[in-house]
N, C-alpha and C. Protein backbone atom coordinates (compact mmCIF):
# COMPACT_ATOMS: atom_id res chain seq x y z
N SER A 1 -10.58 31.16 -27.33
CA SER A 1 -10.20 32.46 -27.85
C SER A 1 -8.79 32.80 -27.41
N GLY A 2 -8.06 33.43 -28.29
CA GLY A 2 -6.72 33.88 -27.97
C GLY A 2 -5.64 32.86 -28.21
N ASN A 3 -5.97 31.67 -28.72
CA ASN A 3 -5.00 30.60 -28.96
C ASN A 3 -4.14 30.29 -27.74
N ALA A 4 -4.65 30.49 -26.56
CA ALA A 4 -3.94 30.17 -25.32
C ALA A 4 -4.46 28.83 -24.82
N PRO A 5 -3.64 28.11 -24.05
CA PRO A 5 -4.08 26.81 -23.54
C PRO A 5 -5.31 26.94 -22.64
N ILE A 6 -6.15 25.89 -22.67
CA ILE A 6 -7.36 25.85 -21.83
C ILE A 6 -6.94 25.67 -20.38
N THR A 7 -7.50 26.49 -19.51
CA THR A 7 -7.16 26.42 -18.08
C THR A 7 -8.32 25.87 -17.24
N GLY A 8 -9.49 25.73 -17.85
CA GLY A 8 -10.63 25.20 -17.10
C GLY A 8 -11.89 25.21 -17.92
N TYR A 9 -12.98 24.81 -17.26
CA TYR A 9 -14.28 24.71 -17.93
C TYR A 9 -15.36 25.26 -17.01
N THR A 10 -16.42 25.78 -17.63
CA THR A 10 -17.62 26.20 -16.91
C THR A 10 -18.77 25.36 -17.43
N ILE A 11 -19.49 24.70 -16.53
CA ILE A 11 -20.60 23.82 -16.92
C ILE A 11 -21.90 24.48 -16.48
N GLN A 12 -22.88 24.52 -17.39
CA GLN A 12 -24.18 25.08 -17.10
C GLN A 12 -25.28 24.07 -17.40
N LYS A 13 -26.42 24.25 -16.73
CA LYS A 13 -27.57 23.38 -16.96
C LYS A 13 -28.80 24.24 -17.23
N ALA A 14 -29.75 23.66 -17.98
CA ALA A 14 -31.02 24.33 -18.22
C ALA A 14 -32.13 23.30 -18.12
N ASP A 15 -33.15 23.60 -17.32
CA ASP A 15 -34.32 22.73 -17.25
C ASP A 15 -35.04 22.82 -18.58
N LYS A 16 -35.46 21.69 -19.12
CA LYS A 16 -36.10 21.64 -20.44
C LYS A 16 -37.36 22.51 -20.47
N LYS A 17 -38.07 22.64 -19.34
CA LYS A 17 -39.31 23.41 -19.30
C LYS A 17 -39.06 24.91 -19.48
N THR A 18 -38.01 25.41 -18.85
CA THR A 18 -37.77 26.86 -18.86
C THR A 18 -36.66 27.28 -19.81
N MET A 19 -35.74 26.38 -20.08
CA MET A 19 -34.54 26.65 -20.89
C MET A 19 -33.76 27.87 -20.36
N GLU A 20 -33.83 28.06 -19.05
CA GLU A 20 -33.05 29.11 -18.40
C GLU A 20 -31.74 28.49 -17.93
N TRP A 21 -30.61 29.09 -18.29
CA TRP A 21 -29.30 28.51 -18.00
C TRP A 21 -28.80 28.95 -16.63
N PHE A 22 -28.25 27.97 -15.88
CA PHE A 22 -27.65 28.22 -14.57
C PHE A 22 -26.27 27.58 -14.54
N THR A 23 -25.33 28.25 -13.91
CA THR A 23 -23.97 27.72 -13.82
C THR A 23 -23.90 26.69 -12.70
N CYS A 24 -23.42 25.50 -13.05
CA CYS A 24 -23.24 24.42 -12.07
C CYS A 24 -21.87 24.52 -11.40
N ILE A 25 -20.85 24.78 -12.22
CA ILE A 25 -19.49 24.83 -11.69
C ILE A 25 -18.63 25.69 -12.62
N GLU A 26 -17.69 26.42 -12.03
CA GLU A 26 -16.77 27.27 -12.80
C GLU A 26 -15.34 26.84 -12.52
N HIS A 27 -14.47 27.15 -13.44
CA HIS A 27 -13.02 26.91 -13.31
C HIS A 27 -12.71 25.44 -13.01
N TYR A 28 -13.46 24.56 -13.62
CA TYR A 28 -13.28 23.11 -13.41
C TYR A 28 -12.17 22.63 -14.33
N HIS A 29 -11.23 21.82 -13.81
CA HIS A 29 -10.04 21.45 -14.57
C HIS A 29 -10.11 20.08 -15.23
N ARG A 30 -10.97 19.21 -14.77
CA ARG A 30 -11.04 17.86 -15.34
C ARG A 30 -12.00 17.81 -16.53
N THR A 31 -11.98 16.69 -17.24
CA THR A 31 -12.87 16.54 -18.40
C THR A 31 -14.04 15.60 -18.11
N CYS A 32 -14.25 15.27 -16.85
CA CYS A 32 -15.35 14.39 -16.45
C CYS A 32 -15.90 14.90 -15.12
N ILE A 33 -17.24 14.95 -15.00
CA ILE A 33 -17.85 15.46 -13.77
C ILE A 33 -19.23 14.84 -13.60
N THR A 34 -19.66 14.73 -12.36
CA THR A 34 -21.03 14.33 -12.04
C THR A 34 -21.72 15.55 -11.46
N ILE A 35 -22.79 15.97 -12.10
CA ILE A 35 -23.54 17.13 -11.62
C ILE A 35 -24.57 16.65 -10.60
N THR A 36 -24.58 17.30 -9.45
CA THR A 36 -25.50 16.91 -8.37
C THR A 36 -26.62 17.94 -8.25
N GLU A 37 -27.51 17.72 -7.30
CA GLU A 37 -28.63 18.60 -7.00
C GLU A 37 -29.56 18.80 -8.19
N LEU A 38 -29.79 17.71 -8.93
CA LEU A 38 -30.76 17.72 -10.02
C LEU A 38 -32.07 17.13 -9.50
N VAL A 39 -33.18 17.61 -10.00
CA VAL A 39 -34.49 17.18 -9.51
C VAL A 39 -34.94 15.93 -10.26
N VAL A 40 -35.31 14.90 -9.49
CA VAL A 40 -35.79 13.65 -10.08
C VAL A 40 -37.07 13.94 -10.86
N GLY A 41 -37.14 13.44 -12.09
CA GLY A 41 -38.31 13.65 -12.93
C GLY A 41 -38.15 14.79 -13.92
N ASN A 42 -37.18 15.69 -13.68
CA ASN A 42 -36.94 16.80 -14.61
C ASN A 42 -35.98 16.36 -15.71
N GLU A 43 -36.03 17.12 -16.83
CA GLU A 43 -35.10 16.89 -17.94
C GLU A 43 -34.21 18.11 -18.07
N TYR A 44 -32.93 17.87 -18.32
CA TYR A 44 -31.96 18.96 -18.39
C TYR A 44 -31.14 18.88 -19.67
N PHE A 45 -30.74 20.08 -20.13
CA PHE A 45 -29.71 20.21 -21.16
C PHE A 45 -28.47 20.74 -20.45
N PHE A 46 -27.31 20.43 -20.98
CA PHE A 46 -26.06 20.90 -20.41
C PHE A 46 -25.22 21.54 -21.50
N ARG A 47 -24.40 22.50 -21.09
CA ARG A 47 -23.44 23.07 -22.03
C ARG A 47 -22.15 23.37 -21.28
N VAL A 48 -21.05 23.36 -22.05
CA VAL A 48 -19.72 23.54 -21.46
C VAL A 48 -18.99 24.64 -22.21
N PHE A 49 -18.49 25.61 -21.46
CA PHE A 49 -17.62 26.65 -22.00
C PHE A 49 -16.20 26.32 -21.60
N SER A 50 -15.26 26.56 -22.49
CA SER A 50 -13.85 26.42 -22.12
C SER A 50 -13.34 27.80 -21.72
N GLU A 51 -12.32 27.81 -20.89
CA GLU A 51 -11.74 29.09 -20.48
C GLU A 51 -10.23 29.03 -20.55
N ASN A 52 -9.65 30.17 -20.83
CA ASN A 52 -8.19 30.32 -20.80
C ASN A 52 -7.88 31.69 -20.22
N MET A 53 -6.65 32.14 -20.39
CA MET A 53 -6.25 33.41 -19.78
C MET A 53 -7.01 34.61 -20.36
N CYS A 54 -7.65 34.42 -21.52
CA CYS A 54 -8.43 35.50 -22.14
C CYS A 54 -9.88 35.52 -21.68
N GLY A 55 -10.34 34.44 -21.02
CA GLY A 55 -11.72 34.39 -20.55
C GLY A 55 -12.45 33.17 -21.07
N LEU A 56 -13.79 33.22 -21.04
CA LEU A 56 -14.62 32.10 -21.50
C LEU A 56 -14.71 32.10 -23.02
N SER A 57 -14.91 30.90 -23.56
CA SER A 57 -15.12 30.77 -25.01
C SER A 57 -16.42 31.48 -25.40
N GLU A 58 -16.49 31.94 -26.65
CA GLU A 58 -17.68 32.65 -27.12
C GLU A 58 -18.88 31.71 -27.26
N ALA A 59 -18.61 30.49 -27.71
CA ALA A 59 -19.68 29.51 -27.90
C ALA A 59 -19.44 28.33 -26.95
N ALA A 60 -20.51 27.63 -26.66
CA ALA A 60 -20.41 26.47 -25.77
C ALA A 60 -20.80 25.22 -26.54
N THR A 61 -20.28 24.11 -26.09
CA THR A 61 -20.71 22.82 -26.61
C THR A 61 -21.93 22.41 -25.79
N GLN A 62 -23.02 22.09 -26.48
CA GLN A 62 -24.28 21.78 -25.78
C GLN A 62 -24.72 20.37 -26.11
N THR A 63 -25.36 19.73 -25.13
CA THR A 63 -25.92 18.39 -25.37
C THR A 63 -27.04 18.50 -26.39
N LYS A 64 -27.10 17.53 -27.32
CA LYS A 64 -28.14 17.54 -28.36
C LYS A 64 -29.47 17.07 -27.78
N LYS A 65 -29.41 16.09 -26.89
CA LYS A 65 -30.62 15.54 -26.28
C LYS A 65 -30.65 15.90 -24.80
N SER A 66 -31.86 16.00 -24.27
CA SER A 66 -32.00 16.27 -22.84
C SER A 66 -31.73 15.00 -22.05
N ALA A 67 -31.36 15.18 -20.80
CA ALA A 67 -31.12 14.05 -19.90
C ALA A 67 -32.25 14.00 -18.87
N LEU A 68 -33.00 12.90 -18.85
CA LEU A 68 -34.08 12.72 -17.88
C LEU A 68 -33.48 12.15 -16.60
N ILE A 69 -33.74 12.81 -15.50
CA ILE A 69 -33.21 12.37 -14.21
C ILE A 69 -34.22 11.39 -13.61
N VAL A 70 -33.80 10.13 -13.51
CA VAL A 70 -34.68 9.08 -12.99
C VAL A 70 -34.25 8.68 -11.60
N LYS A 71 -35.21 8.19 -10.85
CA LYS A 71 -34.92 7.70 -9.50
C LYS A 71 -34.09 6.45 -9.60
N GLU A 72 -33.07 6.37 -8.76
CA GLU A 72 -32.21 5.18 -8.77
C GLU A 72 -33.03 3.94 -8.51
N GLY A 73 -32.70 2.89 -9.21
CA GLY A 73 -33.44 1.63 -9.09
C GLY A 73 -33.16 0.91 -7.80
N SER A 74 -33.59 1.48 -6.70
CA SER A 74 -33.37 0.84 -5.41
C SER A 74 -34.61 0.03 -5.04
N GLN A 75 -34.79 -1.07 -5.74
CA GLN A 75 -35.92 -1.93 -5.46
C GLN A 75 -35.50 -2.99 -4.45
N MET A 76 -36.38 -3.20 -3.48
CA MET A 76 -36.07 -4.20 -2.47
C MET A 76 -36.50 -5.57 -2.97
N LYS A 77 -35.56 -6.46 -3.03
CA LYS A 77 -35.87 -7.82 -3.45
C LYS A 77 -36.18 -8.63 -2.19
N ILE A 78 -37.39 -9.14 -2.14
CA ILE A 78 -37.80 -9.92 -0.98
C ILE A 78 -37.21 -11.31 -1.10
N PRO A 79 -36.44 -11.72 -0.10
CA PRO A 79 -35.82 -13.05 -0.18
C PRO A 79 -36.88 -14.14 -0.11
N GLU A 80 -36.60 -15.22 -0.81
CA GLU A 80 -37.53 -16.35 -0.77
C GLU A 80 -37.48 -16.97 0.61
N TYR A 81 -38.65 -17.28 1.14
CA TYR A 81 -38.74 -17.90 2.45
C TYR A 81 -38.60 -19.40 2.29
N SER A 82 -37.71 -19.96 3.04
CA SER A 82 -37.56 -21.41 2.99
C SER A 82 -37.76 -21.96 4.41
N ASP A 83 -38.58 -22.97 4.51
CA ASP A 83 -38.83 -23.59 5.80
C ASP A 83 -37.55 -24.23 6.31
N HIS A 84 -37.30 -24.05 7.60
CA HIS A 84 -36.15 -24.70 8.20
C HIS A 84 -36.51 -26.16 8.49
N ASP A 85 -35.65 -27.04 8.12
CA ASP A 85 -35.88 -28.46 8.36
C ASP A 85 -35.40 -28.80 9.76
N PHE A 86 -36.35 -29.02 10.65
CA PHE A 86 -36.01 -29.32 12.04
C PHE A 86 -35.81 -30.81 12.29
N LYS A 87 -35.86 -31.59 11.24
CA LYS A 87 -35.68 -33.03 11.42
C LYS A 87 -34.27 -33.30 11.94
N GLU A 88 -34.20 -34.25 12.85
CA GLU A 88 -32.93 -34.59 13.47
C GLU A 88 -32.92 -36.10 13.69
N PRO A 89 -31.89 -36.79 13.20
CA PRO A 89 -31.85 -38.24 13.40
C PRO A 89 -31.65 -38.57 14.88
N PRO A 90 -32.06 -39.77 15.31
CA PRO A 90 -31.89 -40.14 16.72
C PRO A 90 -30.42 -40.10 17.15
N LYS A 91 -30.22 -39.58 18.37
CA LYS A 91 -28.87 -39.48 18.93
C LYS A 91 -28.99 -39.71 20.43
N PHE A 92 -28.13 -40.56 20.94
CA PHE A 92 -28.13 -40.82 22.38
C PHE A 92 -27.46 -39.67 23.09
N THR A 93 -28.21 -39.04 24.00
CA THR A 93 -27.64 -37.95 24.79
C THR A 93 -27.12 -38.48 26.13
N GLN A 94 -27.64 -39.61 26.55
CA GLN A 94 -27.12 -40.33 27.72
C GLN A 94 -27.13 -41.80 27.33
N PRO A 95 -25.96 -42.36 27.04
CA PRO A 95 -25.91 -43.75 26.55
C PRO A 95 -26.28 -44.76 27.65
N LEU A 96 -26.69 -45.91 27.20
CA LEU A 96 -27.01 -47.03 28.10
C LEU A 96 -25.70 -47.58 28.64
N ILE A 97 -25.64 -47.80 29.95
CA ILE A 97 -24.42 -48.36 30.55
C ILE A 97 -24.64 -49.84 30.84
N ASN A 98 -23.54 -50.58 30.86
CA ASN A 98 -23.64 -52.01 31.16
C ASN A 98 -24.20 -52.20 32.57
N THR A 99 -25.20 -53.05 32.66
CA THR A 99 -25.87 -53.31 33.94
C THR A 99 -26.03 -54.82 34.11
N PHE A 100 -25.79 -55.28 35.33
CA PHE A 100 -26.00 -56.71 35.62
C PHE A 100 -27.32 -56.85 36.37
N ALA A 101 -28.07 -57.88 36.00
CA ALA A 101 -29.36 -58.13 36.63
C ALA A 101 -29.34 -59.51 37.28
N VAL A 102 -30.00 -59.59 38.41
CA VAL A 102 -30.11 -60.86 39.13
C VAL A 102 -31.52 -61.38 38.87
N ALA A 103 -31.61 -62.65 38.50
CA ALA A 103 -32.90 -63.25 38.19
C ALA A 103 -33.84 -63.14 39.38
N GLY A 104 -35.07 -62.71 39.09
CA GLY A 104 -36.08 -62.58 40.14
C GLY A 104 -36.13 -61.20 40.76
N TYR A 105 -35.20 -60.31 40.43
CA TYR A 105 -35.19 -58.95 40.98
C TYR A 105 -35.41 -57.94 39.84
N ASN A 106 -35.97 -56.79 40.18
CA ASN A 106 -36.17 -55.72 39.19
C ASN A 106 -34.85 -55.04 38.87
N THR A 107 -34.70 -54.65 37.63
CA THR A 107 -33.52 -53.89 37.19
C THR A 107 -34.01 -52.70 36.37
N THR A 108 -33.39 -51.57 36.57
CA THR A 108 -33.76 -50.37 35.81
C THR A 108 -32.65 -50.04 34.82
N LEU A 109 -33.05 -49.83 33.58
CA LEU A 109 -32.11 -49.42 32.53
C LEU A 109 -32.45 -47.97 32.17
N ASN A 110 -31.43 -47.11 32.13
CA ASN A 110 -31.64 -45.69 31.82
C ASN A 110 -30.78 -45.25 30.64
N CYS A 111 -31.39 -44.51 29.76
CA CYS A 111 -30.66 -43.83 28.69
C CYS A 111 -31.56 -42.72 28.16
N SER A 112 -30.99 -41.81 27.39
CA SER A 112 -31.77 -40.71 26.80
C SER A 112 -31.45 -40.64 25.32
N VAL A 113 -32.49 -40.36 24.55
CA VAL A 113 -32.32 -40.22 23.11
C VAL A 113 -33.02 -38.94 22.67
N ARG A 114 -32.44 -38.31 21.69
CA ARG A 114 -33.01 -37.06 21.16
C ARG A 114 -33.20 -37.23 19.66
N ALA A 115 -34.37 -36.80 19.15
CA ALA A 115 -34.65 -36.88 17.71
C ALA A 115 -35.88 -36.03 17.40
N ASN A 116 -36.03 -35.69 16.15
CA ASN A 116 -37.23 -34.98 15.70
C ASN A 116 -37.59 -35.50 14.32
N PRO A 117 -38.78 -36.03 14.11
CA PRO A 117 -39.87 -36.13 15.07
C PRO A 117 -39.52 -37.10 16.20
N ARG A 118 -40.32 -37.03 17.25
CA ARG A 118 -40.07 -37.84 18.44
C ARG A 118 -40.11 -39.32 18.06
N PRO A 119 -39.05 -40.06 18.41
CA PRO A 119 -39.00 -41.47 18.01
C PRO A 119 -39.85 -42.37 18.92
N LYS A 120 -40.22 -43.50 18.36
CA LYS A 120 -40.87 -44.53 19.16
C LYS A 120 -39.74 -45.41 19.70
N VAL A 121 -39.64 -45.51 21.02
CA VAL A 121 -38.54 -46.25 21.64
C VAL A 121 -39.01 -47.66 21.97
N ILE A 122 -38.23 -48.64 21.56
CA ILE A 122 -38.52 -50.05 21.84
C ILE A 122 -37.26 -50.66 22.46
N TRP A 123 -37.43 -51.35 23.59
CA TRP A 123 -36.31 -52.04 24.22
C TRP A 123 -36.26 -53.47 23.67
N MET A 124 -35.05 -53.88 23.26
CA MET A 124 -34.89 -55.22 22.69
C MET A 124 -33.60 -55.85 23.21
N LYS A 125 -33.61 -57.20 23.23
CA LYS A 125 -32.40 -57.97 23.52
C LYS A 125 -32.44 -59.16 22.59
N ASN A 126 -31.35 -59.35 21.84
CA ASN A 126 -31.25 -60.41 20.84
C ASN A 126 -32.45 -60.39 19.88
N LYS A 127 -32.82 -59.19 19.44
CA LYS A 127 -33.90 -58.96 18.48
C LYS A 127 -35.28 -59.35 19.02
N ILE A 128 -35.40 -59.44 20.35
CA ILE A 128 -36.68 -59.75 20.99
C ILE A 128 -37.07 -58.54 21.84
N THR A 129 -38.30 -58.08 21.68
CA THR A 129 -38.78 -56.93 22.43
C THR A 129 -38.91 -57.27 23.90
N ILE A 130 -38.40 -56.38 24.75
CA ILE A 130 -38.50 -56.55 26.21
C ILE A 130 -39.74 -55.80 26.65
N ILE A 131 -40.61 -56.47 27.39
CA ILE A 131 -41.84 -55.86 27.87
C ILE A 131 -41.92 -56.03 29.37
N ASP A 132 -42.81 -55.23 29.99
CA ASP A 132 -43.03 -55.38 31.44
C ASP A 132 -43.72 -56.71 31.69
N ASP A 133 -43.11 -57.55 32.48
CA ASP A 133 -43.72 -58.85 32.82
C ASP A 133 -44.19 -58.82 34.25
């Protein structure tokens, strides 16, 4: 009204059940807004009045369809469980050291190996198994 430039907007909402209008915001200057404090599950209509130095417009632009306020899709996705593979190839944690043996005397050889599953350890020399004699 008054052919004066628009200086702001007034946004109103109405619950579809009551169709009673309430002002959400007045003197708003932008052309985009997010209306907060809406009840999840309710449906609302909105209308916008323009304003200038003469006051509010006589008529408002109203939404043709109601807007249903839905709960945000915050669904928890359960991660897939995957078994951890604990298999581990054999690895010497204490290597065998060079040892000299005298014929007729006992000699002890020491080393450590780590693996999973637990390995079967066999002592060999020149591809022949060494056993307690």
